Every structure is written in structure tokens, then in C-alpha cells.
């Protein structure tokens, strides 16, 4: 699993949550889309959890590049908030799941695992 999140508290919380699951034996954190693309160029991941507002390359920009280079890679997009238009645009651009970062952590974990199992 690759977590693309610039807030270290949130990123480390996600690592703590998913580090307990035996299916995610590699968990890496990228602080922005550029770092995430660098990780993806060096190894494969089963799933990406991605923030929106990040420095250098935001989540939306990352998704557009990522889907061109890695079209089958499942992405779970976790912005702070989202409107209907953006939600539909993400779906058209290959994002397989969208949640709100402030959601219940159990909901984020459940949705991530559903996405993971649907691909494996």
C-alpha cells in the first residue's frame, strides 16, 4: 500500500491502522504526488490511498499522471471534502473509491479492504 499524504499525523495513523492487516506487508508514505510517482516507478503496490491538497503535485494531478502510467492501479481518494461534480470526474478518470478524510476510521479501513479484495 502506498499512502500519499503530506500530513505526517494522518499518514502515520493510516500506517498504524493498516500495518495490523497481514495483507499489506509493505506500507510506504509519499508526501506528494511527485514522491508517489517515484515510489511507483521503483516497485508495485496493491493499492494507493491519496490525499488531495499537497505541495508540488496535488492528488488530482497525481491521479491524472498515475492513471496514464498505471491504469490498473486501484486508487482510493481521500480529500477533506468533495462535491458531486468532482466525484463524477474522479470516477471518469479511473479512481475506484472516494471517501472523506474526516470519515470514521473504521469506514476508511472497510472501504480500503473492499477495494483491495475486489482487485485481488
C-alpha atoms as a PDB file:
ATOM      1  CA  UNK A   1       0.000   0.000   0.000  1.00  0.00           C
ATOM      2  CA  UNK A   2       1.215   3.463  -0.883  1.00  0.00           C
ATOM      3  CA  UNK A   3      -0.170   6.313   1.210  1.00  0.00           C
ATOM      4  CA  UNK A   4       0.102   9.711  -0.484  1.00  0.00           C
ATOM      5  CA  UNK A   5      -0.394  12.227   2.321  1.00  0.00           C
ATOM      6  CA  UNK A   6       1.590  15.306   3.346  1.00  0.00           C
ATOM      7  CA  UNK A   7       0.214  15.461   6.908  1.00  0.00           C
ATOM      8  CA  UNK A   8       2.509  13.164   8.891  1.00  0.00           C
ATOM      9  CA  UNK A   9      -0.021  12.665  11.704  1.00  0.00           C
ATOM     10  CA  UNK A  10      -2.685  11.403   9.285  1.00  0.00           C
ATOM     11  CA  UNK A  11      -0.181   9.343   7.290  1.00  0.00           C
ATOM     12  CA  UNK A  12       1.216   7.677  10.403  1.00  0.00           C
ATOM     13  CA  UNK A  13      -2.313   6.993  11.679  1.00  0.00           C
ATOM     14  CA  UNK A  14      -3.117   5.214   8.418  1.00  0.00           C
ATOM     15  CA  UNK A  15       0.101   3.210   8.636  1.00  0.00           C
ATOM     16  CA  UNK A  16      -0.806   2.204  12.188  1.00  0.00           C
ATOM     17  CA  UNK A  17      -4.286   1.097  11.090  1.00  0.00           C
ATOM     18  CA  UNK A  18      -3.192  -0.835   8.032  1.00  0.00           C
ATOM     19  CA  UNK A  19       0.057  -2.134   9.493  1.00  0.00           C
ATOM     20  CA  UNK A  20      -2.021  -4.526  11.567  1.00  0.00           C
ATOM     21  CA  UNK A  21      -3.504  -6.147   8.442  1.00  0.00           C
ATOM     22  CA  UNK A  22      -1.497  -9.102   7.157  1.00  0.00           C
ATOM     23  CA  UNK A  23      -2.365  -8.274   3.529  1.00  0.00           C
ATOM     24  CA  UNK A  24      -0.353  -5.062   3.477  1.00  0.00           C
ATOM     25  CA  UNK A  25       3.200  -6.220   4.013  1.00  0.00           C
ATOM     26  CA  UNK A  26       4.657  -3.080   2.505  1.00  0.00           C
ATOM     27  CA  UNK A  27       3.410   0.314   3.547  1.00  0.00           C
ATOM     28  CA  UNK A  28       5.099   3.421   2.259  1.00  0.00           C
ATOM     29  CA  UNK A  29       4.326   7.109   2.641  1.00  0.00           C
ATOM     30  CA  UNK A  30       4.825   9.695  -0.082  1.00  0.00           C
ATOM     31  CA  UNK A  31       4.399  13.363   0.902  1.00  0.00           C
ATOM     32  CA  UNK A  32       3.115  14.445  -2.516  1.00  0.00           C
ATOM     33  CA  UNK A  33       2.336  13.176  -5.987  1.00  0.00           C
ATOM     34  CA  UNK A  34       5.906  13.522  -7.234  1.00  0.00           C
ATOM     35  CA  UNK A  35       7.236  11.302  -4.448  1.00  0.00           C
ATOM     36  CA  UNK A  36       4.391   8.852  -5.067  1.00  0.00           C
ATOM     37  CA  UNK A  37       5.264   8.535  -8.750  1.00  0.00           C
ATOM     38  CA  UNK A  38       8.884   7.923  -7.756  1.00  0.00           C
ATOM     39  CA  UNK A  39       7.808   5.086  -5.418  1.00  0.00           C
ATOM     40  CA  UNK A  40       5.578   3.624  -8.146  1.00  0.00           C
ATOM     41  CA  UNK A  41       8.416   3.677 -10.684  1.00  0.00           C
ATOM     42  CA  UNK A  42      10.557   1.528  -8.363  1.00  0.00           C
ATOM     43  CA  UNK A  43       8.060  -1.090  -7.159  1.00  0.00           C
ATOM     44  CA  UNK A  44       4.489  -2.248  -7.474  1.00  0.00           C
ATOM     45  CA  UNK A  45       1.712  -1.620  -4.972  1.00  0.00           C
ATOM     46  CA  UNK A  46      -1.679  -3.250  -4.499  1.00  0.00           C
ATOM     47  CA  UNK A  47      -3.484  -0.003  -3.697  1.00  0.00           C
ATOM     48  CA  UNK A  48      -2.906   3.738  -3.276  1.00  0.00           C
ATOM     49  CA  UNK A  49      -4.610   5.955  -0.697  1.00  0.00           C
ATOM     50  CA  UNK A  50      -4.341   9.552  -1.852  1.00  0.00           C
ATOM     51  CA  UNK A  51      -4.927  12.965  -0.274  1.00  0.00           C
ATOM     52  CA  UNK A  52      -5.916  15.976  -2.366  1.00  0.00           C
ATOM     53  CA  UNK A  53      -4.185  19.106  -1.070  1.00  0.00           C
ATOM     54  CA  UNK A  54      -0.433  18.521  -1.135  1.00  0.00           C
ATOM     55  CA  UNK A  55       2.582  20.593  -2.160  1.00  0.00           C
ATOM     56  CA  UNK A  56       4.353  20.226  -5.524  1.00  0.00           C
ATOM     57  CA  UNK A  57       1.802  17.854  -7.064  1.00  0.00           C
ATOM     58  CA  UNK A  58      -1.680  17.589  -5.591  1.00  0.00           C
ATOM     59  CA  UNK A  59      -3.845  14.495  -5.555  1.00  0.00           C
ATOM     60  CA  UNK A  60      -5.840  15.366  -8.658  1.00  0.00           C
ATOM     61  CA  UNK A  61      -2.658  15.957 -10.681  1.00  0.00           C
ATOM     62  CA  UNK A  62      -1.153  12.746  -9.320  1.00  0.00           C
ATOM     63  CA  UNK A  63      -4.236  10.738 -10.296  1.00  0.00           C
ATOM     64  CA  UNK A  64      -4.145  12.028 -13.871  1.00  0.00           C
ATOM     65  CA  UNK A  65      -0.478  11.063 -14.330  1.00  0.00           C
ATOM     66  CA  UNK A  66      -0.797   7.830 -12.356  1.00  0.00           C
ATOM     67  CA  UNK A  67      -3.743   6.566 -14.393  1.00  0.00           C
ATOM     68  CA  UNK A  68      -1.801   7.162 -17.613  1.00  0.00           C
ATOM     69  CA  UNK A  69       1.228   5.218 -16.365  1.00  0.00           C
ATOM     70  CA  UNK A  70      -0.526   2.638 -14.169  1.00  0.00           C
ATOM     71  CA  UNK A  71      -4.100   2.331 -15.462  1.00  0.00           C
ATOM     72  CA  UNK A  72      -4.977  -0.773 -13.422  1.00  0.00           C
ATOM     73  CA  UNK A  73      -3.698   0.505 -10.069  1.00  0.00           C
ATOM     74  CA  UNK A  74      -6.588   0.939  -7.598  1.00  0.00           C
ATOM     75  CA  UNK A  75      -6.738   4.410  -6.070  1.00  0.00           C
ATOM     76  CA  UNK A  76      -8.776   5.359  -3.017  1.00  0.00           C
ATOM     77  CA  UNK A  77      -9.028   9.156  -2.994  1.00  0.00           C
ATOM     78  CA  UNK A  78      -9.404  10.755   0.445  1.00  0.00           C
ATOM     79  CA  UNK A  79      -9.901  14.530   0.193  1.00  0.00           C
ATOM     80  CA  UNK A  80     -11.006  16.808   3.030  1.00  0.00           C
ATOM     81  CA  UNK A  81     -14.306  17.421   1.212  1.00  0.00           C
ATOM     82  CA  UNK A  82     -15.797  16.693  -2.200  1.00  0.00           C
ATOM     83  CA  UNK A  83     -18.658  17.889  -4.355  1.00  0.00           C
ATOM     84  CA  UNK A  84     -20.759  15.856  -6.778  1.00  0.00           C
ATOM     85  CA  UNK A  85     -19.072  17.228  -9.913  1.00  0.00           C
ATOM     86  CA  UNK A  86     -15.597  16.356  -8.641  1.00  0.00           C
ATOM     87  CA  UNK A  87     -16.785  12.922  -7.532  1.00  0.00           C
ATOM     88  CA  UNK A  88     -18.036  12.127 -11.042  1.00  0.00           C
ATOM     89  CA  UNK A  89     -14.847  13.495 -12.620  1.00  0.00           C
ATOM     90  CA  UNK A  90     -12.766  11.222 -10.408  1.00  0.00           C
ATOM     91  CA  UNK A  91     -14.832   8.195 -11.392  1.00  0.00           C
ATOM     92  CA  UNK A  92     -14.388   9.042 -15.080  1.00  0.00           C
ATOM     93  CA  UNK A  93     -10.629   9.274 -14.520  1.00  0.00           C
ATOM     94  CA  UNK A  94     -10.303   5.796 -13.044  1.00  0.00           C
ATOM     95  CA  UNK A  95     -10.497   6.449  -9.299  1.00  0.00           C
ATOM     96  CA  UNK A  96     -12.090   3.335  -7.855  1.00  0.00           C
ATOM     97  CA  UNK A  97     -13.143   4.677  -4.440  1.00  0.00           C
ATOM     98  CA  UNK A  98     -13.675   8.095  -2.905  1.00  0.00           C
ATOM     99  CA  UNK A  99     -14.076   8.875   0.773  1.00  0.00           C
ATOM    100  CA  UNK A 100     -13.804  11.881   3.026  1.00  0.00           C
ATOM    101  CA  UNK A 101     -10.695  12.034   5.182  1.00  0.00           C
ATOM    102  CA  UNK A 102     -12.710  13.031   8.254  1.00  0.00           C
ATOM    103  CA  UNK A 103     -14.842   9.875   7.950  1.00  0.00           C
ATOM    104  CA  UNK A 104     -14.891   7.307  10.692  1.00  0.00           C
ATOM    105  CA  UNK A 105     -11.531   5.455  10.540  1.00  0.00           C
ATOM    106  CA  UNK A 106     -13.370   2.118  10.510  1.00  0.00           C
ATOM    107  CA  UNK A 107     -15.203   3.247   7.359  1.00  0.00           C
ATOM    108  CA  UNK A 108     -11.925   4.150   5.643  1.00  0.00           C
ATOM    109  CA  UNK A 109     -10.424   0.788   6.613  1.00  0.00           C
ATOM    110  CA  UNK A 110     -13.516  -1.132   5.482  1.00  0.00           C
ATOM    111  CA  UNK A 111     -13.670   0.672   2.128  1.00  0.00           C
ATOM    112  CA  UNK A 112      -9.952   0.198   1.547  1.00  0.00           C
ATOM    113  CA  UNK A 113     -10.191  -3.523   2.244  1.00  0.00           C
ATOM    114  CA  UNK A 114     -13.229  -3.851  -0.045  1.00  0.00           C
ATOM    115  CA  UNK A 115     -11.283  -2.171  -2.836  1.00  0.00           C
ATOM    116  CA  UNK A 116      -8.225  -4.326  -2.144  1.00  0.00           C
ATOM    117  CA  UNK A 117     -10.208  -7.582  -2.167  1.00  0.00           C
ATOM    118  CA  UNK A 118     -12.126  -6.618  -5.291  1.00  0.00           C
ATOM    119  CA  UNK A 119      -8.798  -6.360  -7.132  1.00  0.00           C
ATOM    120  CA  UNK A 120      -7.105  -9.484  -5.720  1.00  0.00           C
END
